[in-house]
Amino acid sequence: MKMSEIRNMDIAELKERLADYKKKYDSLKLSHAVTPLENPMEIRKMRKTIARLMTELNQRGN
């Protein structure tokens, strides 16, 4: 997800997406620990997207 897309979201949508991405990240980490993923870069992409969402929320003051 690009920062331009994130900036166009409202705060409620940002929080909702952040919660969804955190759940997906946790499940990816667990499944990768059990059996290696075909594309482990997905974990890194997910972590960066979570960081982008959190950065935007912090910049907005929430």
PDB file of N, CA and C in Angstrom:
ATOM      1  N   MET A   1       0.850  -1.173   0.000  1.00  0.00           N
ATOM      2  CA  MET A   1       0.000   0.000   0.000  1.00  0.00           C
ATOM      3  C   MET A   1       0.895   1.235   0.000  1.00  0.00           C
ATOM      4  N   LYS A   2       0.571   2.170  -0.857  1.00  0.00           N
ATOM      5  CA  LYS A   2       1.386   3.367  -1.001  1.00  0.00           C
ATOM      6  C   LYS A   2       0.945   4.443  -0.010  1.00  0.00           C
ATOM      7  N   MET A   3       1.873   5.352   0.310  1.00  0.00           N
ATOM      8  CA  MET A   3       1.557   6.435   1.238  1.00  0.00           C
ATOM      9  C   MET A   3       0.465   7.335   0.685  1.00  0.00           C
ATOM     10  N   SER A   4       0.405   7.516  -0.619  1.00  0.00           N
ATOM     11  CA  SER A   4      -0.645   8.361  -1.195  1.00  0.00           C
ATOM     12  C   SER A   4      -2.021   7.762  -0.930  1.00  0.00           C
ATOM     13  N   GLU A   5      -2.133   6.441  -0.971  1.00  0.00           N
ATOM     14  CA  GLU A   5      -3.399   5.781  -0.654  1.00  0.00           C
ATOM     15  C   GLU A   5      -3.726   5.935   0.824  1.00  0.00           C
ATOM     16  N   ILE A   6      -2.702   5.824   1.656  1.00  0.00           N
ATOM     17  CA  ILE A   6      -2.906   5.915   3.103  1.00  0.00           C
ATOM     18  C   ILE A   6      -3.331   7.323   3.492  1.00  0.00           C
ATOM     19  N   ARG A   7      -2.751   8.325   2.877  1.00  0.00           N
ATOM     20  CA  ARG A   7      -3.083   9.714   3.215  1.00  0.00           C
ATOM     21  C   ARG A   7      -4.520  10.065   2.858  1.00  0.00           C
ATOM     22  N   ASN A   8      -5.103   9.368   1.894  1.00  0.00           N
ATOM     23  CA  ASN A   8      -6.478   9.645   1.487  1.00  0.00           C
ATOM     24  C   ASN A   8      -7.516   8.997   2.401  1.00  0.00           C
ATOM     25  N   MET A   9      -7.090   8.155   3.338  1.00  0.00           N
ATOM     26  CA  MET A   9      -8.017   7.473   4.243  1.00  0.00           C
ATOM     27  C   MET A   9      -8.337   8.361   5.437  1.00  0.00           C
ATOM     28  N   ASP A  10      -9.520   8.136   6.015  1.00  0.00           N
ATOM     29  CA  ASP A  10      -9.834   8.834   7.257  1.00  0.00           C
ATOM     30  C   ASP A  10      -9.298   8.010   8.436  1.00  0.00           C
ATOM     31  N   ILE A  11      -9.350   8.588   9.627  1.00  0.00           N
ATOM     32  CA  ILE A  11      -8.729   7.976  10.801  1.00  0.00           C
ATOM     33  C   ILE A  11      -9.356   6.629  11.139  1.00  0.00           C
ATOM     34  N   ALA A  12     -10.685   6.538  11.049  1.00  0.00           N
ATOM     35  CA  ALA A  12     -11.354   5.276  11.367  1.00  0.00           C
ATOM     36  C   ALA A  12     -10.907   4.163  10.420  1.00  0.00           C
ATOM     37  N   GLU A  13     -10.790   4.492   9.154  1.00  0.00           N
ATOM     38  CA  GLU A  13     -10.353   3.496   8.177  1.00  0.00           C
ATOM     39  C   GLU A  13      -8.894   3.103   8.410  1.00  0.00           C
ATOM     40  N   LEU A  14      -8.066   4.076   8.795  1.00  0.00           N
ATOM     41  CA  LEU A  14      -6.664   3.769   9.103  1.00  0.00           C
ATOM     42  C   LEU A  14      -6.566   2.781  10.263  1.00  0.00           C
ATOM     43  N   LYS A  15      -7.341   3.027  11.309  1.00  0.00           N
ATOM     44  CA  LYS A  15      -7.309   2.140  12.475  1.00  0.00           C
ATOM     45  C   LYS A  15      -7.814   0.749  12.119  1.00  0.00           C
ATOM     46  N   GLU A  16      -8.841   0.695  11.286  1.00  0.00           N
ATOM     47  CA  GLU A  16      -9.390  -0.593  10.864  1.00  0.00           C
ATOM     48  C   GLU A  16      -8.368  -1.375  10.037  1.00  0.00           C
ATOM     49  N   ARG A  17      -7.749  -0.698   9.093  1.00  0.00           N
ATOM     50  CA  ARG A  17      -6.734  -1.348   8.257  1.00  0.00           C
ATOM     51  C   ARG A  17      -5.543  -1.797   9.097  1.00  0.00           C
ATOM     52  N   LEU A  18      -5.143  -0.968  10.068  1.00  0.00           N
ATOM     53  CA  LEU A  18      -4.014  -1.314  10.925  1.00  0.00           C
ATOM     54  C   LEU A  18      -4.305  -2.595  11.700  1.00  0.00           C
ATOM     55  N   ALA A  19      -5.504  -2.703  12.257  1.00  0.00           N
ATOM     56  CA  ALA A  19      -5.874  -3.910  12.993  1.00  0.00           C
ATOM     57  C   ALA A  19      -5.871  -5.133  12.073  1.00  0.00           C
ATOM     58  N   ASP A  20      -6.399  -4.970  10.863  1.00  0.00           N
ATOM     59  CA  ASP A  20      -6.422  -6.080   9.903  1.00  0.00           C
ATOM     60  C   ASP A  20      -5.012  -6.518   9.532  1.00  0.00           C
ATOM     61  N   TYR A  21      -4.153  -5.550   9.244  1.00  0.00           N
ATOM     62  CA  TYR A  21      -2.789  -5.888   8.844  1.00  0.00           C
ATOM     63  C   TYR A  21      -2.013  -6.529   9.990  1.00  0.00           C
ATOM     64  N   LYS A  22      -2.266  -6.101  11.225  1.00  0.00           N
ATOM     65  CA  LYS A  22      -1.580  -6.720  12.364  1.00  0.00           C
ATOM     66  C   LYS A  22      -1.999  -8.179  12.522  1.00  0.00           C
ATOM     67  N   LYS A  23      -3.294  -8.464  12.332  1.00  0.00           N
ATOM     68  CA  LYS A  23      -3.763  -9.850  12.412  1.00  0.00           C
ATOM     69  C   LYS A  23      -3.142 -10.697  11.308  1.00  0.00           C
ATOM     70  N   LYS A  24      -3.118 -10.158  10.095  1.00  0.00           N
ATOM     71  CA  LYS A  24      -2.525 -10.888   8.974  1.00  0.00           C
ATOM     72  C   LYS A  24      -1.034 -11.118   9.203  1.00  0.00           C
ATOM     73  N   TYR A  25      -0.358 -10.119   9.760  1.00  0.00           N
ATOM     74  CA  TYR A  25       1.076 -10.236  10.023  1.00  0.00           C
ATOM     75  C   TYR A  25       1.341 -11.346  11.036  1.00  0.00           C
ATOM     76  N   ASP A  26       0.541 -11.374  12.106  1.00  0.00           N
ATOM     77  CA  ASP A  26       0.719 -12.416  13.115  1.00  0.00           C
ATOM     78  C   ASP A  26       0.511 -13.806  12.521  1.00  0.00           C
ATOM     79  N   SER A  27      -0.513 -13.952  11.693  1.00  0.00           N
ATOM     80  CA  SER A  27      -0.764 -15.266  11.097  1.00  0.00           C
ATOM     81  C   SER A  27       0.347 -15.646  10.111  1.00  0.00           C
ATOM     82  N   LEU A  28       0.872 -14.670   9.370  1.00  0.00           N
ATOM     83  CA  LEU A  28       1.983 -14.954   8.458  1.00  0.00           C
ATOM     84  C   LEU A  28       3.225 -15.397   9.229  1.00  0.00           C
ATOM     85  N   LYS A  29       3.518 -14.723  10.323  1.00  0.00           N
ATOM     86  CA  LYS A  29       4.689 -15.076  11.127  1.00  0.00           C
ATOM     87  C   LYS A  29       4.550 -16.495  11.676  1.00  0.00           C
ATOM     88  N   LEU A  30       3.357 -16.825  12.155  1.00  0.00           N
ATOM     89  CA  LEU A  30       3.133 -18.154  12.714  1.00  0.00           C
ATOM     90  C   LEU A  30       3.245 -19.225  11.632  1.00  0.00           C
ATOM     91  N   SER A  31       2.622 -18.990  10.497  1.00  0.00           N
ATOM     92  CA  SER A  31       2.684 -19.986   9.426  1.00  0.00           C
ATOM     93  C   SER A  31       4.102 -20.116   8.872  1.00  0.00           C
ATOM     94  N   HIS A  32       4.857 -19.042   8.875  1.00  0.00           N
ATOM     95  CA  HIS A  32       6.241 -19.098   8.403  1.00  0.00           C
ATOM     96  C   HIS A  32       7.121 -19.866   9.390  1.00  0.00           C
ATOM     97  N   ALA A  33       6.799 -19.794  10.665  1.00  0.00           N
ATOM     98  CA  ALA A  33       7.575 -20.526  11.660  1.00  0.00           C
ATOM     99  C   ALA A  33       7.334 -22.032  11.533  1.00  0.00           C
ATOM    100  N   VAL A  34       6.109 -22.408  11.181  1.00  0.00           N
ATOM    101  CA  VAL A  34       5.771 -23.823  11.057  1.00  0.00           C
ATOM    102  C   VAL A  34       6.299 -24.390   9.738  1.00  0.00           C
ATOM    103  N   THR A  35       5.901 -23.764   8.649  1.00  0.00           N
ATOM    104  CA  THR A  35       6.387 -24.175   7.328  1.00  0.00           C
ATOM    105  C   THR A  35       6.807 -22.920   6.579  1.00  0.00           C
ATOM    106  N   PRO A  36       7.977 -22.904   6.006  1.00  0.00           N
ATOM    107  CA  PRO A  36       8.445 -21.691   5.312  1.00  0.00           C
ATOM    108  C   PRO A  36       7.493 -21.250   4.199  1.00  0.00           C
ATOM    109  N   LEU A  37       7.297 -19.953   4.117  1.00  0.00           N
ATOM    110  CA  LEU A  37       6.434 -19.396   3.082  1.00  0.00           C
ATOM    111  C   LEU A  37       7.125 -19.464   1.727  1.00  0.00           C
ATOM    112  N   GLU A  38       6.317 -19.489   0.690  1.00  0.00           N
ATOM    113  CA  GLU A  38       6.867 -19.490  -0.660  1.00  0.00           C
ATOM    114  C   GLU A  38       7.568 -18.165  -0.951  1.00  0.00           C
ATOM    115  N   ASN A  39       6.990 -17.068  -0.439  1.00  0.00           N
ATOM    116  CA  ASN A  39       7.569 -15.748  -0.650  1.00  0.00           C
ATOM    117  C   ASN A  39       7.707 -15.047   0.709  1.00  0.00           C
ATOM    118  N   PRO A  40       8.831 -15.216   1.408  1.00  0.00           N
ATOM    119  CA  PRO A  40       8.994 -14.610   2.728  1.00  0.00           C
ATOM    120  C   PRO A  40       9.077 -13.084   2.708  1.00  0.00           C
ATOM    121  N   MET A  41       9.235 -12.488   1.523  1.00  0.00           N
ATOM    122  CA  MET A  41       9.251 -11.025   1.434  1.00  0.00           C
ATOM    123  C   MET A  41       7.891 -10.437   1.789  1.00  0.00           C
ATOM    124  N   GLU A  42       6.849 -11.261   1.760  1.00  0.00           N
ATOM    125  CA  GLU A  42       5.515 -10.789   2.132  1.00  0.00           C
ATOM    126  C   GLU A  42       5.502 -10.308   3.578  1.00  0.00           C
ATOM    127  N   ILE A  43       6.278 -10.975   4.436  1.00  0.00           N
ATOM    128  CA  ILE A  43       6.343 -10.577   5.843  1.00  0.00           C
ATOM    129  C   ILE A  43       6.938  -9.180   5.950  1.00  0.00           C
ATOM    130  N   ARG A  44       7.998  -8.925   5.209  1.00  0.00           N
ATOM    131  CA  ARG A  44       8.642  -7.610   5.249  1.00  0.00           C
ATOM    132  C   ARG A  44       7.714  -6.532   4.698  1.00  0.00           C
ATOM    133  N   LYS A  45       7.024  -6.832   3.606  1.00  0.00           N
ATOM    134  CA  LYS A  45       6.084  -5.872   3.024  1.00  0.00           C
ATOM    135  C   LYS A  45       4.968  -5.547   4.003  1.00  0.00           C
ATOM    136  N   MET A  46       4.469  -6.576   4.691  1.00  0.00           N
ATOM    137  CA  MET A  46       3.395  -6.381   5.656  1.00  0.00           C
ATOM    138  C   MET A  46       3.874  -5.491   6.805  1.00  0.00           C
ATOM    139  N   ARG A  47       5.099  -5.749   7.281  1.00  0.00           N
ATOM    140  CA  ARG A  47       5.653  -4.956   8.382  1.00  0.00           C
ATOM    141  C   ARG A  47       5.831  -3.497   7.972  1.00  0.00           C
ATOM    142  N   LYS A  48       6.264  -3.261   6.747  1.00  0.00           N
ATOM    143  CA  LYS A  48       6.433  -1.888   6.269  1.00  0.00           C
ATOM    144  C   LYS A  48       5.092  -1.183   6.115  1.00  0.00           C
ATOM    145  N   THR A  49       4.082  -1.910   5.669  1.00  0.00           N
ATOM    146  CA  THR A  49       2.751  -1.319   5.541  1.00  0.00           C
ATOM    147  C   THR A  49       2.204  -0.945   6.911  1.00  0.00           C
ATOM    148  N   ILE A  50       2.412  -1.801   7.898  1.00  0.00           N
ATOM    149  CA  ILE A  50       1.979  -1.496   9.266  1.00  0.00           C
ATOM    150  C   ILE A  50       2.689  -0.240   9.760  1.00  0.00           C
ATOM    151  N   ALA A  51       3.974  -0.124   9.487  1.00  0.00           N
ATOM    152  CA  ALA A  51       4.732   1.058   9.906  1.00  0.00           C
ATOM    153  C   ALA A  51       4.207   2.315   9.221  1.00  0.00           C
ATOM    154  N   ARG A  52       3.856   2.213   7.946  1.00  0.00           N
ATOM    155  CA  ARG A  52       3.304   3.370   7.232  1.00  0.00           C
ATOM    156  C   ARG A  52       1.975   3.803   7.838  1.00  0.00           C
ATOM    157  N   LEU A  53       1.120   2.829   8.149  1.00  0.00           N
ATOM    158  CA  LEU A  53      -0.175   3.154   8.755  1.00  0.00           C
ATOM    159  C   LEU A  53       0.013   3.812  10.122  1.00  0.00           C
ATOM    160  N   MET A  54       0.919   3.264  10.928  1.00  0.00           N
ATOM    161  CA  MET A  54       1.164   3.828  12.254  1.00  0.00           C
ATOM    162  C   MET A  54       1.768   5.225  12.152  1.00  0.00           C
ATOM    163  N   THR A  55       2.650   5.444  11.191  1.00  0.00           N
ATOM    164  CA  THR A  55       3.254   6.761  10.991  1.00  0.00           C
ATOM    165  C   THR A  55       2.191   7.791  10.661  1.00  0.00           C
ATOM    166  N   GLU A  56       1.295   7.446   9.765  1.00  0.00           N
ATOM    167  CA  GLU A  56       0.237   8.381   9.378  1.00  0.00           C
ATOM    168  C   GLU A  56      -0.686   8.679  10.559  1.00  0.00           C
ATOM    169  N   LEU A  57      -1.021   7.665  11.349  1.00  0.00           N
ATOM    170  CA  LEU A  57      -1.864   7.891  12.531  1.00  0.00           C
ATOM    171  C   LEU A  57      -1.162   8.808  13.529  1.00  0.00           C
ATOM    172  N   ASN A  58       0.130   8.588  13.745  1.00  0.00           N
ATOM    173  CA  ASN A  58       0.873   9.429  14.682  1.00  0.00           C
ATOM    174  C   ASN A  58       0.996  10.859  14.182  1.00  0.00           C
ATOM    175  N   GLN A  59       1.153  11.046  12.887  1.00  0.00           N
ATOM    176  CA  GLN A  59       1.254  12.390  12.335  1.00  0.00           C
ATOM    177  C   GLN A  59      -0.063  13.144  12.467  1.00  0.00           C
ATOM    178  N   ARG A  60      -1.152  12.421  12.419  1.00  0.00           N
ATOM    179  CA  ARG A  60      -2.460  13.061  12.565  1.00  0.00           C
ATOM    180  C   ARG A  60      -2.817  13.314  14.025  1.00  0.00           C
ATOM    181  N   GLY A  61      -2.053  12.758  14.936  1.00  0.00           N
ATOM    182  CA  GLY A  61      -2.269  13.033  16.344  1.00  0.00           C
ATOM    183  C   GLY A  61      -3.133  12.025  17.057  1.00  0.00           C
ATOM    184  N   ASN A  62      -3.310  10.852  16.479  1.00  0.00           N
ATOM    185  CA  ASN A  62      -4.116   9.812  17.133  1.00  0.00           C
ATOM    186  C   ASN A  62      -3.291   8.585  17.262  1.00  0.00           C
TER     187      ASN A  62
END
